[in-house]
Amino acid sequence: MITAYWIAFAVGLTGLIVWILVRGLAQAEVLVRFDPEQWVPNLKLAVAGVLGFGMAGLSSSYAGWEPAVTIVGALAGAAAAAGYAKWVDRVDDVHDAPGDSPIQRR
């Protein structure tokens, strides 16, 4: 089962790095047509969930938990990571209001 957690961790980490790069290029108007926020709006939550599943699964496996409890811990980690990604996205939307940037406040 540890192999499954390593695979989930690797896929989630790779997805996170690709997400950051493509999203940054889209915001810089280099790859506007390839903005992942426009393609699949909830893909960010899926990437965070896979990464959280892998991280929590590895952590609980190496801590010596029973296999059934490890799976529950991994699922809880996936839910926590996806919930955090959704919360950060909501907070980021609040701070993107017009006239709210530090340069415009001066």
PDB file of N, CA and C in Angstrom:
ATOM      1  N   MET A   1       0.831  -1.199   0.000  1.00  0.00           N
ATOM      2  CA  MET A   1       0.000   0.000   0.000  1.00  0.00           C
ATOM      3  C   MET A   1       0.871   1.257   0.000  1.00  0.00           C
ATOM      4  N   ILE A   2       2.070   1.140   0.542  1.00  0.00           N
ATOM      5  CA  ILE A   2       2.957   2.302   0.568  1.00  0.00           C
ATOM      6  C   ILE A   2       3.273   2.768  -0.848  1.00  0.00           C
ATOM      7  N   THR A   3       3.362   1.807  -1.779  1.00  0.00           N
ATOM      8  CA  THR A   3       3.634   2.167  -3.176  1.00  0.00           C
ATOM      9  C   THR A   3       2.515   3.044  -3.736  1.00  0.00           C
ATOM     10  N   ALA A   4       1.285   2.748  -3.382  1.00  0.00           N
ATOM     11  CA  ALA A   4       0.153   3.560  -3.861  1.00  0.00           C
ATOM     12  C   ALA A   4       0.241   4.981  -3.312  1.00  0.00           C
ATOM     13  N   TYR A   5       0.666   5.109  -2.068  1.00  0.00           N
ATOM     14  CA  TYR A   5       0.815   6.446  -1.492  1.00  0.00           C
ATOM     15  C   TYR A   5       1.953   7.207  -2.157  1.00  0.00           C
ATOM     16  N   TRP A   6       3.052   6.507  -2.472  1.00  0.00           N
ATOM     17  CA  TRP A   6       4.160   7.160  -3.176  1.00  0.00           C
ATOM     18  C   TRP A   6       3.733   7.614  -4.561  1.00  0.00           C
ATOM     19  N   ILE A   7       2.953   6.792  -5.250  1.00  0.00           N
ATOM     20  CA  ILE A   7       2.477   7.168  -6.585  1.00  0.00           C
ATOM     21  C   ILE A   7       1.546   8.377  -6.482  1.00  0.00           C
ATOM     22  N   ALA A   8       0.637   8.353  -5.511  1.00  0.00           N
ATOM     23  CA  ALA A   8      -0.278   9.493  -5.332  1.00  0.00           C
ATOM     24  C   ALA A   8       0.499  10.760  -4.989  1.00  0.00           C
ATOM     25  N   PHE A   9       1.513  10.629  -4.154  1.00  0.00           N
ATOM     26  CA  PHE A   9       2.332  11.780  -3.797  1.00  0.00           C
ATOM     27  C   PHE A   9       3.072  12.328  -5.017  1.00  0.00           C
ATOM     28  N   ALA A  10       3.659  11.445  -5.815  1.00  0.00           N
ATOM     29  CA  ALA A  10       4.405  11.877  -7.003  1.00  0.00           C
ATOM     30  C   ALA A  10       3.488  12.519  -8.038  1.00  0.00           C
ATOM     31  N   VAL A  11       2.329  11.926  -8.259  1.00  0.00           N
ATOM     32  CA  VAL A  11       1.369  12.499  -9.211  1.00  0.00           C
ATOM     33  C   VAL A  11       0.861  13.848  -8.708  1.00  0.00           C
ATOM     34  N   GLY A  12       0.551  13.934  -7.422  1.00  0.00           N
ATOM     35  CA  GLY A  12       0.075  15.196  -6.853  1.00  0.00           C
ATOM     36  C   GLY A  12       1.126  16.288  -6.890  1.00  0.00           C
ATOM     37  N   LEU A  13       2.366  15.952  -6.570  1.00  0.00           N
ATOM     38  CA  LEU A  13       3.437  16.943  -6.588  1.00  0.00           C
ATOM     39  C   LEU A  13       3.728  17.408  -8.013  1.00  0.00           C
ATOM     40  N   THR A  14       3.744  16.472  -8.953  1.00  0.00           N
ATOM     41  CA  THR A  14       3.938  16.841 -10.359  1.00  0.00           C
ATOM     42  C   THR A  14       2.786  17.711 -10.848  1.00  0.00           C
ATOM     43  N   GLY A  15       1.573  17.343 -10.481  1.00  0.00           N
ATOM     44  CA  GLY A  15       0.413  18.152 -10.863  1.00  0.00           C
ATOM     45  C   GLY A  15       0.469  19.550 -10.275  1.00  0.00           C
ATOM     46  N   LEU A  16       0.932  19.666  -9.041  1.00  0.00           N
ATOM     47  CA  LEU A  16       1.050  20.973  -8.404  1.00  0.00           C
ATOM     48  C   LEU A  16       2.081  21.846  -9.119  1.00  0.00           C
ATOM     49  N   ILE A  17       3.223  21.269  -9.449  1.00  0.00           N
ATOM     50  CA  ILE A  17       4.270  22.032 -10.138  1.00  0.00           C
ATOM     51  C   ILE A  17       3.791  22.470 -11.519  1.00  0.00           C
ATOM     52  N   VAL A  18       3.155  21.555 -12.249  1.00  0.00           N
ATOM     53  CA  VAL A  18       2.627  21.907 -13.578  1.00  0.00           C
ATOM     54  C   VAL A  18       1.552  22.974 -13.448  1.00  0.00           C
ATOM     55  N   TRP A  19       0.681  22.837 -12.446  1.00  0.00           N
ATOM     56  CA  TRP A  19      -0.386  23.825 -12.235  1.00  0.00           C
ATOM     57  C   TRP A  19       0.207  25.216 -12.005  1.00  0.00           C
ATOM     58  N   ILE A  20       1.211  25.302 -11.141  1.00  0.00           N
ATOM     59  CA  ILE A  20       1.824  26.594 -10.827  1.00  0.00           C
ATOM     60  C   ILE A  20       2.463  27.201 -12.071  1.00  0.00           C
ATOM     61  N   LEU A  21       3.186  26.394 -12.835  1.00  0.00           N
ATOM     62  CA  LEU A  21       3.849  26.908 -14.036  1.00  0.00           C
ATOM     63  C   LEU A  21       2.848  27.374 -15.088  1.00  0.00           C
ATOM     64  N   VAL A  22       1.851  26.555 -15.389  1.00  0.00           N
ATOM     65  CA  VAL A  22       0.882  26.907 -16.430  1.00  0.00           C
ATOM     66  C   VAL A  22       0.021  28.082 -15.989  1.00  0.00           C
ATOM     67  N   ARG A  23      -0.388  28.095 -14.735  1.00  0.00           N
ATOM     68  CA  ARG A  23      -1.201  29.209 -14.225  1.00  0.00           C
ATOM     69  C   ARG A  23      -0.397  30.516 -14.237  1.00  0.00           C
ATOM     70  N   GLY A  24       0.878  30.431 -13.873  1.00  0.00           N
ATOM     71  CA  GLY A  24       1.729  31.624 -13.911  1.00  0.00           C
ATOM     72  C   GLY A  24       1.921  32.148 -15.317  1.00  0.00           C
ATOM     73  N   LEU A  25       2.121  31.248 -16.270  1.00  0.00           N
ATOM     74  CA  LEU A  25       2.259  31.674 -17.664  1.00  0.00           C
ATOM     75  C   LEU A  25       0.955  32.250 -18.205  1.00  0.00           C
ATOM     76  N   ALA A  26      -0.163  31.706 -17.762  1.00  0.00           N
ATOM     77  CA  ALA A  26      -1.452  32.245 -18.196  1.00  0.00           C
ATOM     78  C   ALA A  26      -1.688  33.640 -17.614  1.00  0.00           C
ATOM     79  N   GLN A  27      -1.291  33.843 -16.360  1.00  0.00           N
ATOM     80  CA  GLN A  27      -1.446  35.161 -15.746  1.00  0.00           C
ATOM     81  C   GLN A  27      -0.515  36.184 -16.379  1.00  0.00           C
ATOM     82  N   ALA A  28       0.634  35.728 -16.880  1.00  0.00           N
ATOM     83  CA  ALA A  28       1.576  36.622 -17.549  1.00  0.00           C
ATOM     84  C   ALA A  28       1.201  36.828 -19.010  1.00  0.00           C
ATOM     85  N   GLU A  29       0.062  36.286 -19.402  1.00  0.00           N
ATOM     86  CA  GLU A  29      -0.488  36.408 -20.758  1.00  0.00           C
ATOM     87  C   GLU A  29       0.428  35.811 -21.819  1.00  0.00           C
ATOM     88  N   VAL A  30       1.155  34.756 -21.448  1.00  0.00           N
ATOM     89  CA  VAL A  30       1.961  34.017 -22.408  1.00  0.00           C
ATOM     90  C   VAL A  30       1.146  32.847 -22.959  1.00  0.00           C
ATOM     91  N   LEU A  31       0.462  32.141 -22.084  1.00  0.00           N
ATOM     92  CA  LEU A  31      -0.372  31.004 -22.477  1.00  0.00           C
ATOM     93  C   LEU A  31      -1.815  31.229 -22.026  1.00  0.00           C
ATOM     94  N   VAL A  32      -2.439  32.264 -22.507  1.00  0.00           N
ATOM     95  CA  VAL A  32      -3.781  32.618 -22.053  1.00  0.00           C
ATOM     96  C   VAL A  32      -4.783  31.519 -22.391  1.00  0.00           C
ATOM     97  N   ARG A  33      -4.620  30.899 -23.546  1.00  0.00           N
ATOM     98  CA  ARG A  33      -5.579  29.865 -23.960  1.00  0.00           C
ATOM     99  C   ARG A  33      -5.449  28.600 -23.127  1.00  0.00           C
ATOM    100  N   PHE A  34      -4.348  28.400 -22.429  1.00  0.00           N
ATOM    101  CA  PHE A  34      -4.121  27.183 -21.668  1.00  0.00           C
ATOM    102  C   PHE A  34      -4.282  27.392 -20.167  1.00  0.00           C
ATOM    103  N   ASP A  35      -5.073  28.356 -19.762  1.00  0.00           N
ATOM    104  CA  ASP A  35      -5.290  28.636 -18.345  1.00  0.00           C
ATOM    105  C   ASP A  35      -6.083  27.478 -17.726  1.00  0.00           C
ATOM    106  N   PRO A  36      -5.510  26.766 -16.742  1.00  0.00           N
ATOM    107  CA  PRO A  36      -6.224  25.623 -16.161  1.00  0.00           C
ATOM    108  C   PRO A  36      -7.475  26.029 -15.391  1.00  0.00           C
ATOM    109  N   GLU A  37      -7.542  27.254 -14.918  1.00  0.00           N
ATOM    110  CA  GLU A  37      -8.746  27.717 -14.218  1.00  0.00           C
ATOM    111  C   GLU A  37      -9.949  27.771 -15.158  1.00  0.00           C
ATOM    112  N   GLN A  38      -9.703  28.024 -16.441  1.00  0.00           N
ATOM    113  CA  GLN A  38     -10.783  28.107 -17.421  1.00  0.00           C
ATOM    114  C   GLN A  38     -11.162  26.725 -17.948  1.00  0.00           C
ATOM    115  N   TRP A  39     -10.195  25.822 -18.035  1.00  0.00           N
ATOM    116  CA  TRP A  39     -10.469  24.483 -18.560  1.00  0.00           C
ATOM    117  C   TRP A  39     -11.306  23.670 -17.594  1.00  0.00           C
ATOM    118  N   VAL A  40     -10.761  23.444 -16.420  1.00  0.00           N
ATOM    119  CA  VAL A  40     -11.425  22.612 -15.414  1.00  0.00           C
ATOM    120  C   VAL A  40     -11.337  23.353 -14.083  1.00  0.00           C
ATOM    121  N   PRO A  41     -12.387  24.030 -13.684  1.00  0.00           N
ATOM    122  CA  PRO A  41     -12.315  24.858 -12.477  1.00  0.00           C
ATOM    123  C   PRO A  41     -11.981  24.083 -11.200  1.00  0.00           C
ATOM    124  N   ASN A  42     -12.400  22.843 -11.084  1.00  0.00           N
ATOM    125  CA  ASN A  42     -12.163  22.081  -9.857  1.00  0.00           C
ATOM    126  C   ASN A  42     -10.924  21.199  -9.927  1.00  0.00           C
ATOM    127  N   LEU A  43     -10.117  21.357 -10.959  1.00  0.00           N
ATOM    128  CA  LEU A  43      -8.897  20.561 -11.076  1.00  0.00           C
ATOM    129  C   LEU A  43      -7.928  20.879  -9.946  1.00  0.00           C
ATOM    130  N   LYS A  44      -7.931  22.106  -9.488  1.00  0.00           N
ATOM    131  CA  LYS A  44      -7.063  22.513  -8.376  1.00  0.00           C
ATOM    132  C   LYS A  44      -7.386  21.698  -7.123  1.00  0.00           C
ATOM    133  N   LEU A  45      -8.658  21.466  -6.863  1.00  0.00           N
ATOM    134  CA  LEU A  45      -9.053  20.691  -5.692  1.00  0.00           C
ATOM    135  C   LEU A  45      -8.646  19.233  -5.836  1.00  0.00           C
ATOM    136  N   ALA A  46      -8.733  18.697  -7.050  1.00  0.00           N
ATOM    137  CA  ALA A  46      -8.337  17.314  -7.285  1.00  0.00           C
ATOM    138  C   ALA A  46      -6.832  17.134  -7.087  1.00  0.00           C
ATOM    139  N   VAL A  47      -6.049  18.064  -7.604  1.00  0.00           N
ATOM    140  CA  VAL A  47      -4.588  17.989  -7.436  1.00  0.00           C
ATOM    141  C   VAL A  47      -4.230  18.085  -5.956  1.00  0.00           C
ATOM    142  N   ALA A  48      -4.860  19.000  -5.237  1.00  0.00           N
ATOM    143  CA  ALA A  48      -4.597  19.132  -3.796  1.00  0.00           C
ATOM    144  C   ALA A  48      -5.019  17.874  -3.048  1.00  0.00           C
ATOM    145  N   GLY A  49      -6.131  17.290  -3.437  1.00  0.00           N
ATOM    146  CA  GLY A  49      -6.602  16.069  -2.781  1.00  0.00           C
ATOM    147  C   GLY A  49      -5.668  14.890  -2.997  1.00  0.00           C
ATOM    148  N   VAL A  50      -5.177  14.726  -4.219  1.00  0.00           N
ATOM    149  CA  VAL A  50      -4.243  13.630  -4.505  1.00  0.00           C
ATOM    150  C   VAL A  50      -2.942  13.828  -3.731  1.00  0.00           C
ATOM    151  N   LEU A  51      -2.444  15.046  -3.707  1.00  0.00           N
ATOM    152  CA  LEU A  51      -1.217  15.325  -2.960  1.00  0.00           C
ATOM    153  C   LEU A  51      -1.429  15.096  -1.459  1.00  0.00           C
ATOM    154  N   GLY A  52      -2.547  15.549  -0.933  1.00  0.00           N
ATOM    155  CA  GLY A  52      -2.851  15.334   0.484  1.00  0.00           C
ATOM    156  C   GLY A  52      -3.028  13.862   0.824  1.00  0.00           C
ATOM    157  N   PHE A  53      -3.629  13.105  -0.079  1.00  0.00           N
ATOM    158  CA  PHE A  53      -3.794  11.662   0.120  1.00  0.00           C
ATOM    159  C   PHE A  53      -2.438  10.980   0.204  1.00  0.00           C
ATOM    160  N   GLY A  54      -1.562  11.322  -0.717  1.00  0.00           N
ATOM    161  CA  GLY A  54      -0.236  10.716  -0.716  1.00  0.00           C
ATOM    162  C   GLY A  54       0.578  11.095   0.511  1.00  0.00           C
ATOM    163  N   MET A  55       0.545  12.375   0.881  1.00  0.00           N
ATOM    164  CA  MET A  55       1.322  12.829   2.040  1.00  0.00           C
ATOM    165  C   MET A  55       0.809  12.201   3.338  1.00  0.00           C
ATOM    166  N   ALA A  56      -0.495  12.218   3.535  1.00  0.00           N
ATOM    167  CA  ALA A  56      -1.059  11.662   4.769  1.00  0.00           C
ATOM    168  C   ALA A  56      -0.907  10.148   4.807  1.00  0.00           C
ATOM    169  N   GLY A  57      -1.046   9.495   3.653  1.00  0.00           N
ATOM    170  CA  GLY A  57      -0.871   8.046   3.612  1.00  0.00           C
ATOM    171  C   GLY A  57       0.556   7.635   3.937  1.00  0.00           C
ATOM    172  N   LEU A  58       1.516   8.344   3.363  1.00  0.00           N
ATOM    173  CA  LEU A  58       2.913   8.041   3.669  1.00  0.00           C
ATOM    174  C   LEU A  58       3.225   8.299   5.135  1.00  0.00           C
ATOM    175  N   SER A  59       2.738   9.407   5.645  1.00  0.00           N
ATOM    176  CA  SER A  59       3.006   9.759   7.036  1.00  0.00           C
ATOM    177  C   SER A  59       2.440   8.719   7.992  1.00  0.00           C
ATOM    178  N   SER A  60       1.203   8.332   7.767  1.00  0.00           N
ATOM    179  CA  SER A  60       0.590   7.365   8.678  1.00  0.00           C
ATOM    180  C   SER A  60       1.154   5.958   8.478  1.00  0.00           C
ATOM    181  N   SER A  61       1.580   5.611   7.269  1.00  0.00           N
ATOM    182  CA  SER A  61       2.191   4.298   7.046  1.00  0.00           C
ATOM    183  C   SER A  61       3.518   4.183   7.771  1.00  0.00           C
ATOM    184  N   TYR A  62       4.346   5.190   7.632  1.00  0.00           N
ATOM    185  CA  TYR A  62       5.651   5.150   8.284  1.00  0.00           C
ATOM    186  C   TYR A  62       5.555   5.367   9.795  1.00  0.00           C
ATOM    187  N   ALA A  63       4.421   5.859  10.269  1.00  0.00           N
ATOM    188  CA  ALA A  63       4.224   6.004  11.713  1.00  0.00           C
ATOM    189  C   ALA A  63       3.837   4.680  12.352  1.00  0.00           C
ATOM    190  N   GLY A  64       3.516   3.676  11.529  1.00  0.00           N
ATOM    191  CA  GLY A  64       3.205   2.359  12.052  1.00  0.00           C
ATOM    192  C   GLY A  64       1.739   2.126  12.361  1.00  0.00           C
ATOM    193  N   TRP A  65       0.862   2.912  11.776  1.00  0.00           N
ATOM    194  CA  TRP A  65      -0.557   2.723  12.012  1.00  0.00           C
ATOM    195  C   TRP A  65      -1.033   1.440  11.329  1.00  0.00           C
ATOM    196  N   GLU A  66      -2.149   0.933  11.783  1.00  0.00           N
ATOM    197  CA  GLU A  66      -2.778  -0.229  11.150  1.00  0.00           C
ATOM    198  C   GLU A  66      -3.238   0.161   9.740  1.00  0.00           C
ATOM    199  N   PRO A  67      -3.274  -0.795   8.799  1.00  0.00           N
ATOM    200  CA  PRO A  67      -3.636  -0.456   7.414  1.00  0.00           C
ATOM    201  C   PRO A  67      -5.011   0.215   7.255  1.00  0.00           C
ATOM    202  N   ALA A  68      -6.000  -0.236   7.993  1.00  0.00           N
ATOM    203  CA  ALA A  68      -7.334   0.368   7.868  1.00  0.00           C
ATOM    204  C   ALA A  68      -7.329   1.808   8.376  1.00  0.00           C
ATOM    205  N   VAL A  69      -6.627   2.047   9.459  1.00  0.00           N
ATOM    206  CA  VAL A  69      -6.542   3.399  10.009  1.00  0.00           C
ATOM    207  C   VAL A  69      -5.708   4.290   9.088  1.00  0.00           C
ATOM    208  N   THR A  70      -4.713   3.701   8.436  1.00  0.00           N
ATOM    209  CA  THR A  70      -3.884   4.451   7.492  1.00  0.00           C
ATOM    210  C   THR A  70      -4.718   4.954   6.315  1.00  0.00           C
ATOM    211  N   ILE A  71      -5.604   4.110   5.812  1.00  0.00           N
ATOM    212  CA  ILE A  71      -6.462   4.519   4.695  1.00  0.00           C
ATOM    213  C   ILE A  71      -7.390   5.642   5.128  1.00  0.00           C
ATOM    214  N   VAL A  72      -7.949   5.535   6.322  1.00  0.00           N
ATOM    215  CA  VAL A  72      -8.820   6.606   6.833  1.00  0.00           C
ATOM    216  C   VAL A  72      -8.022   7.895   7.002  1.00  0.00           C
ATOM    217  N   GLY A  73      -6.801   7.779   7.501  1.00  0.00           N
ATOM    218  CA  GLY A  73      -5.946   8.960   7.645  1.00  0.00           C
ATOM    219  C   GLY A  73      -5.602   9.581   6.304  1.00  0.00           C
ATOM    220  N   ALA A  74      -5.344   8.736   5.308  1.00  0.00           N
ATOM    221  CA  ALA A  74      -5.036   9.245   3.968  1.00  0.00           C
ATOM    222  C   ALA A  74      -6.242   9.957   3.370  1.00  0.00           C
ATOM    223  N   LEU A  75      -7.418   9.409   3.554  1.00  0.00           N
ATOM    224  CA  LEU A  75      -8.630  10.063   3.050  1.00  0.00           C
ATOM    225  C   LEU A  75      -8.895  11.381   3.786  1.00  0.00           C
ATOM    226  N   ALA A  76      -8.616  11.395   5.082  1.00  0.00           N
ATOM    227  CA  ALA A  76      -8.764  12.642   5.843  1.00  0.00           C
ATOM    228  C   ALA A  76      -7.760  13.684   5.357  1.00  0.00           C
ATOM    229  N   GLY A  77      -6.550  13.246   5.038  1.00  0.00           N
ATOM    230  CA  GLY A  77      -5.551  14.166   4.492  1.00  0.00           C
ATOM    231  C   GLY A  77      -5.968  14.718   3.141  1.00  0.00           C
ATOM    232  N   ALA A  78      -6.572  13.880   2.312  1.00  0.00           N
ATOM    233  CA  ALA A  78      -7.061  14.350   1.009  1.00  0.00           C
ATOM    234  C   ALA A  78      -8.164  15.385   1.188  1.00  0.00           C
ATOM    235  N   ALA A  79      -9.091  15.119   2.099  1.00  0.00           N
ATOM    236  CA  ALA A  79     -10.183  16.067   2.345  1.00  0.00           C
ATOM    237  C   ALA A  79      -9.651  17.375   2.922  1.00  0.00           C
ATOM    238  N   ALA A  80      -8.678  17.282   3.825  1.00  0.00           N
ATOM    239  CA  ALA A  80      -8.115  18.492   4.426  1.00  0.00           C
ATOM    240  C   ALA A  80      -7.367  19.328   3.387  1.00  0.00           C
ATOM    241  N   ALA A  81      -6.598  18.690   2.519  1.00  0.00           N
ATOM    242  CA  ALA A  81      -5.852  19.427   1.501  1.00  0.00           C
ATOM    243  C   ALA A  81      -6.793  20.078   0.491  1.00  0.00           C
ATOM    244  N   ALA A  82      -7.830  19.366   0.066  1.00  0.00           N
ATOM    245  CA  ALA A  82      -8.792  19.939  -0.870  1.00  0.00           C
ATOM    246  C   ALA A  82      -9.572  21.078  -0.206  1.00  0.00           C
ATOM    247  N   GLY A  83      -9.945  20.898   1.052  1.00  0.00           N
ATOM    248  CA  GLY A  83     -10.642  21.966   1.770  1.00  0.00           C
ATOM    249  C   GLY A  83      -9.783  23.206   1.933  1.00  0.00           C
ATOM    250  N   TYR A  84      -8.503  23.002   2.210  1.00  0.00           N
ATOM    251  CA  TYR A  84      -7.590  24.139   2.344  1.00  0.00           C
ATOM    252  C   TYR A  84      -7.414  24.858   1.010  1.00  0.00           C
ATOM    253  N   ALA A  85      -7.311  24.096  -0.075  1.00  0.00           N
ATOM    254  CA  ALA A  85      -7.183  24.715  -1.404  1.00  0.00           C
ATOM    255  C   ALA A  85      -8.426  25.529  -1.743  1.00  0.00           C
ATOM    256  N   LYS A  86      -9.584  25.031  -1.379  1.00  0.00           N
ATOM    257  CA  LYS A  86     -10.829  25.776  -1.635  1.00  0.00           C
ATOM    258  C   LYS A  86     -10.881  27.039  -0.783  1.00  0.00           C
ATOM    259  N   TRP A  87     -10.455  26.954   0.472  1.00  0.00           N
ATOM    260  CA  TRP A  87     -10.453  28.115   1.358  1.00  0.00           C
ATOM    261  C   TRP A  87      -9.482  29.176   0.859  1.00  0.00           C
ATOM    262  N   VAL A  88      -8.286  28.763   0.453  1.00  0.00           N
ATOM    263  CA  VAL A  88      -7.294  29.712  -0.052  1.00  0.00           C
ATOM    264  C   VAL A  88      -7.811  30.389  -1.318  1.00  0.00           C
ATOM    265  N   ASP A  89      -8.480  29.641  -2.175  1.00  0.00           N
ATOM    266  CA  ASP A  89      -9.036  30.211  -3.399  1.00  0.00           C
ATOM    267  C   ASP A  89     -10.103  31.252  -3.065  1.00  0.00           C
ATOM    268  N   ARG A  90     -10.932  30.982  -2.068  1.00  0.00           N
ATOM    269  CA  ARG A  90     -11.977  31.928  -1.672  1.00  0.00           C
ATOM    270  C   ARG A  90     -11.372  33.194  -1.082  1.00  0.00           C
ATOM    271  N   VAL A  91     -10.357  33.051  -0.243  1.00  0.00           N
ATOM    272  CA  VAL A  91      -9.694  34.207   0.357  1.00  0.00           C
ATOM    273  C   VAL A  91      -8.992  35.023  -0.720  1.00  0.00           C
ATOM    274  N   ASP A  92      -8.385  34.354  -1.694  1.00  0.00           N
ATOM    275  CA  ASP A  92      -7.698  35.039  -2.789  1.00  0.00           C
ATOM    276  C   ASP A  92      -8.685  35.847  -3.629  1.00  0.00           C
ATOM    277  N   ASP A  93      -9.899  35.319  -3.832  1.00  0.00           N
ATOM    278  CA  ASP A  93     -10.910  36.049  -4.595  1.00  0.00           C
ATOM    279  C   ASP A  93     -11.359  37.311  -3.864  1.00  0.00           C
ATOM    280  N   VAL A  94     -11.413  37.267  -2.546  1.00  0.00           N
ATOM    281  CA  VAL A  94     -11.817  38.432  -1.765  1.00  0.00           C
ATOM    282  C   VAL A  94     -10.784  39.545  -1.895  1.00  0.00           C
ATOM    283  N   HIS A  95      -9.502  39.179  -1.924  1.00  0.00           N
ATOM    284  CA  HIS A  95      -8.436  40.176  -1.999  1.00  0.00           C
ATOM    285  C   HIS A  95      -8.165  40.668  -3.417  1.00  0.00           C
ATOM    286  N   ASP A  96      -8.859  40.122  -4.408  1.00  0.00           N
ATOM    287  CA  ASP A  96      -8.668  40.566  -5.782  1.00  0.00           C
ATOM    288  C   ASP A  96      -9.653  41.661  -6.175  1.00  0.00           C
ATOM    289  N   ALA A  97     -10.281  42.280  -5.205  1.00  0.00           N
ATOM    290  CA  ALA A  97     -11.254  43.324  -5.509  1.00  0.00           C
ATOM    291  C   ALA A  97     -10.550  44.525  -6.140  1.00  0.00           C
ATOM    292  N   PRO A  98     -11.224  45.221  -7.045  1.00  0.00           N
ATOM    293  CA  PRO A  98     -10.604  46.395  -7.670  1.00  0.00           C
ATOM    294  C   PRO A  98     -10.243  47.444  -6.628  1.00  0.00           C
ATOM    295  N   GLY A  99      -9.083  48.037  -6.792  1.00  0.00           N
ATOM    296  CA  GLY A  99      -8.627  49.070  -5.880  1.00  0.00           C
ATOM    297  C   GLY A  99      -8.050  48.531  -4.592  1.00  0.00           C
ATOM    298  N   ASP A 100      -7.813  47.209  -4.522  1.00  0.00           N
ATOM    299  CA  ASP A 100      -7.346  46.602  -3.293  1.00  0.00           C
ATOM    300  C   ASP A 100      -5.856  46.271  -3.316  1.00  0.00           C
ATOM    301  N   SER A 101      -5.190  46.559  -4.396  1.00  0.00           N
ATOM    302  CA  SER A 101      -3.770  46.229  -4.443  1.00  0.00           C
ATOM    303  C   SER A 101      -2.976  47.282  -3.680  1.00  0.00           C
ATOM    304  N   PRO A 102      -1.805  46.911  -3.156  1.00  0.00           N
ATOM    305  CA  PRO A 102      -0.996  47.862  -2.376  1.00  0.00           C
ATOM    306  C   PRO A 102      -0.591  49.091  -3.192  1.00  0.00           C
ATOM    307  N   ILE A 103      -0.396  48.939  -4.485  1.00  0.00           N
ATOM    308  CA  ILE A 103       0.004  50.066  -5.317  1.00  0.00           C
ATOM    309  C   ILE A 103      -1.145  51.069  -5.454  1.00  0.00           C
ATOM    310  N   GLN A 104      -2.376  50.549  -5.590  1.00  0.00           N
ATOM    311  CA  GLN A 104      -3.530  51.443  -5.771  1.00  0.00           C
ATOM    312  C   GLN A 104      -3.942  52.112  -4.465  1.00  0.00           C
ATOM    313  N   ARG A 105      -3.556  51.560  -3.323  1.00  0.00           N
ATOM    314  CA  ARG A 105      -3.937  52.152  -2.044  1.00  0.00           C
ATOM    315  C   ARG A 105      -3.087  53.358  -1.693  1.00  0.00           C
ATOM    316  N   ARG A 106      -1.956  53.536  -2.312  1.00  0.00           N
ATOM    317  CA  ARG A 106      -1.074  54.656  -1.970  1.00  0.00           C
ATOM    318  C   ARG A 106      -1.611  55.966  -2.421  1.00  0.00           C
TER     319      ARG A 106
END
